[in-house]
Amino acid sequence: MKHFARSVQEQQAGLFMPRVAKLDKHKYAAYIDTRIDHLWSMDLQGQPVRICKKRKSAEKAALALLAEAMRQYEGQAKGQ
């Protein structure tokens, strides 16, 4: 959990933010938010959401989604 919190703090100045939301007693959703000016938006256009049974696995999934989104963003930036 410390690793997740540190990653969130590092990303607050960045373009993407990993998030974990509790859905039910044993269900957590892992997703990423995208920065739009000074606001954050849950952008589901091509960004998957992972459903996990444990919070710790949801945090890992959110970080994996973040890494994937960063790779896609860097690939698009290089292609332009």
N, C-alpha and C. Protein backbone atom coordinates (compact mmCIF):
# COMPACT_ATOMS: atom_id res chain seq x y z
N MET A 1 0.82 -1.19 0.00
CA MET A 1 0.00 0.00 0.00
C MET A 1 0.87 1.25 0.00
N LYS A 2 2.00 1.20 0.65
CA LYS A 2 2.88 2.36 0.64
C LYS A 2 3.35 2.67 -0.77
N HIS A 3 3.63 1.60 -1.54
CA HIS A 3 4.08 1.80 -2.91
C HIS A 3 2.98 2.48 -3.74
N PHE A 4 1.74 2.07 -3.55
CA PHE A 4 0.62 2.67 -4.27
C PHE A 4 0.47 4.14 -3.90
N ALA A 5 0.53 4.45 -2.61
CA ALA A 5 0.38 5.83 -2.15
C ALA A 5 1.50 6.71 -2.71
N ARG A 6 2.71 6.19 -2.72
CA ARG A 6 3.85 6.94 -3.26
C ARG A 6 3.66 7.19 -4.76
N SER A 7 3.19 6.19 -5.48
CA SER A 7 2.95 6.34 -6.91
C SER A 7 1.86 7.37 -7.18
N VAL A 8 0.84 7.39 -6.34
CA VAL A 8 -0.23 8.37 -6.50
C VAL A 8 0.32 9.77 -6.28
N GLN A 9 1.15 9.96 -5.26
CA GLN A 9 1.73 11.27 -5.01
C GLN A 9 2.62 11.71 -6.17
N GLU A 10 3.38 10.78 -6.74
CA GLU A 10 4.24 11.12 -7.86
C GLU A 10 3.43 11.50 -9.09
N GLN A 11 2.26 10.90 -9.27
CA GLN A 11 1.45 11.13 -10.46
C GLN A 11 0.55 12.36 -10.35
N GLN A 12 0.42 12.95 -9.18
CA GLN A 12 -0.49 14.08 -9.03
C GLN A 12 -0.10 15.24 -9.92
N ALA A 13 1.15 15.37 -10.26
CA ALA A 13 1.58 16.43 -11.16
C ALA A 13 1.55 15.95 -12.61
N GLY A 14 1.30 14.67 -12.83
CA GLY A 14 1.34 14.10 -14.17
C GLY A 14 0.01 14.15 -14.89
N LEU A 15 -0.08 13.36 -15.95
CA LEU A 15 -1.26 13.35 -16.80
C LEU A 15 -2.29 12.31 -16.35
N PHE A 16 -1.84 11.22 -15.73
CA PHE A 16 -2.73 10.14 -15.32
C PHE A 16 -2.65 9.93 -13.81
N MET A 17 -3.76 9.44 -13.24
CA MET A 17 -3.82 9.18 -11.80
C MET A 17 -4.44 7.81 -11.57
N PRO A 18 -3.71 6.88 -10.91
CA PRO A 18 -4.31 5.58 -10.60
C PRO A 18 -5.34 5.73 -9.47
N ARG A 19 -6.44 5.03 -9.61
CA ARG A 19 -7.51 5.10 -8.60
C ARG A 19 -8.01 3.70 -8.26
N VAL A 20 -8.46 3.54 -7.01
CA VAL A 20 -9.11 2.31 -6.56
C VAL A 20 -10.39 2.72 -5.85
N ALA A 21 -11.50 2.10 -6.23
CA ALA A 21 -12.79 2.39 -5.61
C ALA A 21 -13.42 1.10 -5.11
N LYS A 22 -14.01 1.17 -3.91
CA LYS A 22 -14.69 0.00 -3.35
C LYS A 22 -16.10 -0.07 -3.93
N LEU A 23 -16.42 -1.21 -4.52
CA LEU A 23 -17.74 -1.38 -5.13
C LEU A 23 -18.70 -2.11 -4.20
N ASP A 24 -18.19 -3.15 -3.56
CA ASP A 24 -19.01 -4.01 -2.73
C ASP A 24 -18.12 -4.54 -1.61
N LYS A 25 -18.65 -5.46 -0.82
CA LYS A 25 -17.88 -5.98 0.30
C LYS A 25 -16.54 -6.59 -0.14
N HIS A 26 -16.54 -7.34 -1.23
CA HIS A 26 -15.32 -7.97 -1.72
C HIS A 26 -15.04 -7.64 -3.17
N LYS A 27 -15.37 -6.42 -3.58
CA LYS A 27 -15.12 -6.00 -4.95
C LYS A 27 -14.52 -4.61 -4.97
N TYR A 28 -13.41 -4.47 -5.69
CA TYR A 28 -12.73 -3.20 -5.85
C TYR A 28 -12.52 -2.95 -7.34
N ALA A 29 -12.65 -1.72 -7.76
CA ALA A 29 -12.41 -1.35 -9.15
C ALA A 29 -11.11 -0.57 -9.23
N ALA A 30 -10.26 -0.97 -10.16
CA ALA A 30 -9.01 -0.27 -10.42
C ALA A 30 -9.13 0.42 -11.78
N TYR A 31 -8.82 1.71 -11.82
CA TYR A 31 -8.91 2.47 -13.07
C TYR A 31 -7.95 3.64 -12.99
N ILE A 32 -7.86 4.40 -14.07
CA ILE A 32 -7.04 5.60 -14.04
C ILE A 32 -7.87 6.80 -14.46
N ASP A 33 -7.53 7.94 -13.91
CA ASP A 33 -8.16 9.21 -14.28
C ASP A 33 -7.19 9.96 -15.18
N THR A 34 -7.73 10.82 -16.02
CA THR A 34 -6.94 11.64 -16.92
C THR A 34 -7.10 13.10 -16.53
N ARG A 35 -6.01 13.83 -16.53
CA ARG A 35 -6.05 15.26 -16.18
C ARG A 35 -6.61 16.06 -17.34
N ILE A 36 -7.59 16.89 -17.01
CA ILE A 36 -8.13 17.86 -17.97
C ILE A 36 -8.01 19.22 -17.29
N ASP A 37 -7.03 19.99 -17.72
CA ASP A 37 -6.69 21.27 -17.08
C ASP A 37 -6.43 21.03 -15.59
N HIS A 38 -7.21 21.64 -14.71
CA HIS A 38 -7.01 21.46 -13.27
C HIS A 38 -7.95 20.41 -12.69
N LEU A 39 -8.75 19.76 -13.54
CA LEU A 39 -9.71 18.75 -13.09
C LEU A 39 -9.26 17.36 -13.49
N TRP A 40 -9.87 16.34 -12.87
CA TRP A 40 -9.61 14.94 -13.21
C TRP A 40 -10.88 14.35 -13.77
N SER A 41 -10.75 13.50 -14.77
CA SER A 41 -11.90 12.87 -15.41
C SER A 41 -11.64 11.38 -15.57
N MET A 42 -12.64 10.56 -15.29
CA MET A 42 -12.52 9.12 -15.52
C MET A 42 -12.78 8.89 -17.00
N ASP A 43 -11.73 8.73 -17.75
CA ASP A 43 -11.81 8.59 -19.20
C ASP A 43 -11.78 7.11 -19.56
N LEU A 44 -12.92 6.59 -19.99
CA LEU A 44 -13.00 5.16 -20.30
C LEU A 44 -12.82 4.87 -21.79
N GLN A 45 -12.40 5.84 -22.56
CA GLN A 45 -12.19 5.63 -23.99
C GLN A 45 -10.92 4.83 -24.19
N GLY A 46 -11.07 3.52 -24.20
CA GLY A 46 -9.90 2.66 -24.39
C GLY A 46 -9.15 2.35 -23.11
N GLN A 47 -9.56 2.94 -22.00
CA GLN A 47 -8.89 2.67 -20.73
C GLN A 47 -9.70 1.61 -19.96
N PRO A 48 -9.13 0.44 -19.78
CA PRO A 48 -9.88 -0.63 -19.10
C PRO A 48 -10.03 -0.40 -17.60
N VAL A 49 -11.03 -1.03 -17.04
CA VAL A 49 -11.26 -1.04 -15.60
C VAL A 49 -11.11 -2.48 -15.15
N ARG A 50 -10.35 -2.70 -14.09
CA ARG A 50 -10.15 -4.04 -13.56
C ARG A 50 -10.97 -4.19 -12.27
N ILE A 51 -11.65 -5.31 -12.13
CA ILE A 51 -12.40 -5.62 -10.91
C ILE A 51 -11.62 -6.69 -10.15
N CYS A 52 -11.34 -6.43 -8.88
CA CYS A 52 -10.54 -7.34 -8.06
C CYS A 52 -11.28 -7.66 -6.77
N LYS A 53 -10.92 -8.78 -6.14
CA LYS A 53 -11.55 -9.18 -4.88
C LYS A 53 -10.87 -8.55 -3.67
N LYS A 54 -9.60 -8.18 -3.80
CA LYS A 54 -8.86 -7.60 -2.68
C LYS A 54 -8.33 -6.23 -3.06
N ARG A 55 -8.26 -5.35 -2.08
CA ARG A 55 -7.79 -3.98 -2.32
C ARG A 55 -6.33 -3.97 -2.80
N LYS A 56 -5.52 -4.81 -2.21
CA LYS A 56 -4.11 -4.84 -2.58
C LYS A 56 -3.92 -5.24 -4.04
N SER A 57 -4.68 -6.21 -4.49
CA SER A 57 -4.58 -6.62 -5.90
C SER A 57 -5.16 -5.53 -6.81
N ALA A 58 -6.16 -4.79 -6.33
CA ALA A 58 -6.70 -3.67 -7.10
C ALA A 58 -5.67 -2.55 -7.23
N GLU A 59 -4.91 -2.30 -6.17
CA GLU A 59 -3.86 -1.29 -6.23
C GLU A 59 -2.79 -1.68 -7.24
N LYS A 60 -2.41 -2.95 -7.26
CA LYS A 60 -1.43 -3.43 -8.23
C LYS A 60 -1.98 -3.30 -9.65
N ALA A 61 -3.25 -3.62 -9.83
CA ALA A 61 -3.88 -3.51 -11.14
C ALA A 61 -3.93 -2.05 -11.60
N ALA A 62 -4.20 -1.13 -10.67
CA ALA A 62 -4.24 0.30 -11.02
C ALA A 62 -2.87 0.78 -11.47
N LEU A 63 -1.83 0.32 -10.80
CA LEU A 63 -0.47 0.70 -11.19
C LEU A 63 -0.11 0.10 -12.55
N ALA A 64 -0.58 -1.11 -12.82
CA ALA A 64 -0.34 -1.73 -14.13
C ALA A 64 -1.08 -0.96 -15.23
N LEU A 65 -2.30 -0.53 -14.94
CA LEU A 65 -3.05 0.27 -15.90
C LEU A 65 -2.35 1.61 -16.15
N LEU A 66 -1.80 2.18 -15.09
CA LEU A 66 -1.06 3.43 -15.22
C LEU A 66 0.15 3.26 -16.13
N ALA A 67 0.90 2.19 -15.92
CA ALA A 67 2.09 1.93 -16.75
C ALA A 67 1.69 1.73 -18.21
N GLU A 68 0.61 1.02 -18.43
CA GLU A 68 0.12 0.78 -19.80
C GLU A 68 -0.31 2.09 -20.45
N ALA A 69 -1.02 2.93 -19.71
CA ALA A 69 -1.47 4.22 -20.26
C ALA A 69 -0.29 5.12 -20.58
N MET A 70 0.72 5.11 -19.72
CA MET A 70 1.91 5.93 -19.96
C MET A 70 2.63 5.46 -21.22
N ARG A 71 2.74 4.15 -21.41
CA ARG A 71 3.38 3.62 -22.62
C ARG A 71 2.61 4.04 -23.87
N GLN A 72 1.28 3.95 -23.82
CA GLN A 72 0.46 4.35 -24.96
C GLN A 72 0.62 5.84 -25.24
N TYR A 73 0.62 6.65 -24.20
CA TYR A 73 0.74 8.09 -24.36
C TYR A 73 2.09 8.46 -24.95
N GLU A 74 3.15 7.83 -24.45
CA GLU A 74 4.49 8.11 -24.98
C GLU A 74 4.61 7.65 -26.42
N GLY A 75 3.98 6.52 -26.75
CA GLY A 75 4.00 6.03 -28.13
C GLY A 75 3.27 6.97 -29.07
N GLN A 76 2.16 7.55 -28.61
CA GLN A 76 1.42 8.50 -29.43
C GLN A 76 2.21 9.80 -29.59
N ALA A 77 2.89 10.21 -28.52
CA ALA A 77 3.67 11.46 -28.56
C ALA A 77 4.85 11.31 -29.53
N LYS A 78 5.47 10.14 -29.55
CA LYS A 78 6.59 9.91 -30.46
C LYS A 78 6.13 9.82 -31.90
N GLY A 79 4.92 9.32 -32.11
CA GLY A 79 4.38 9.15 -33.45
C GLY A 79 3.97 10.46 -34.12
N GLN A 80 3.80 11.52 -33.34
CA GLN A 80 3.36 12.79 -33.91
C GLN A 80 4.48 13.58 -34.44
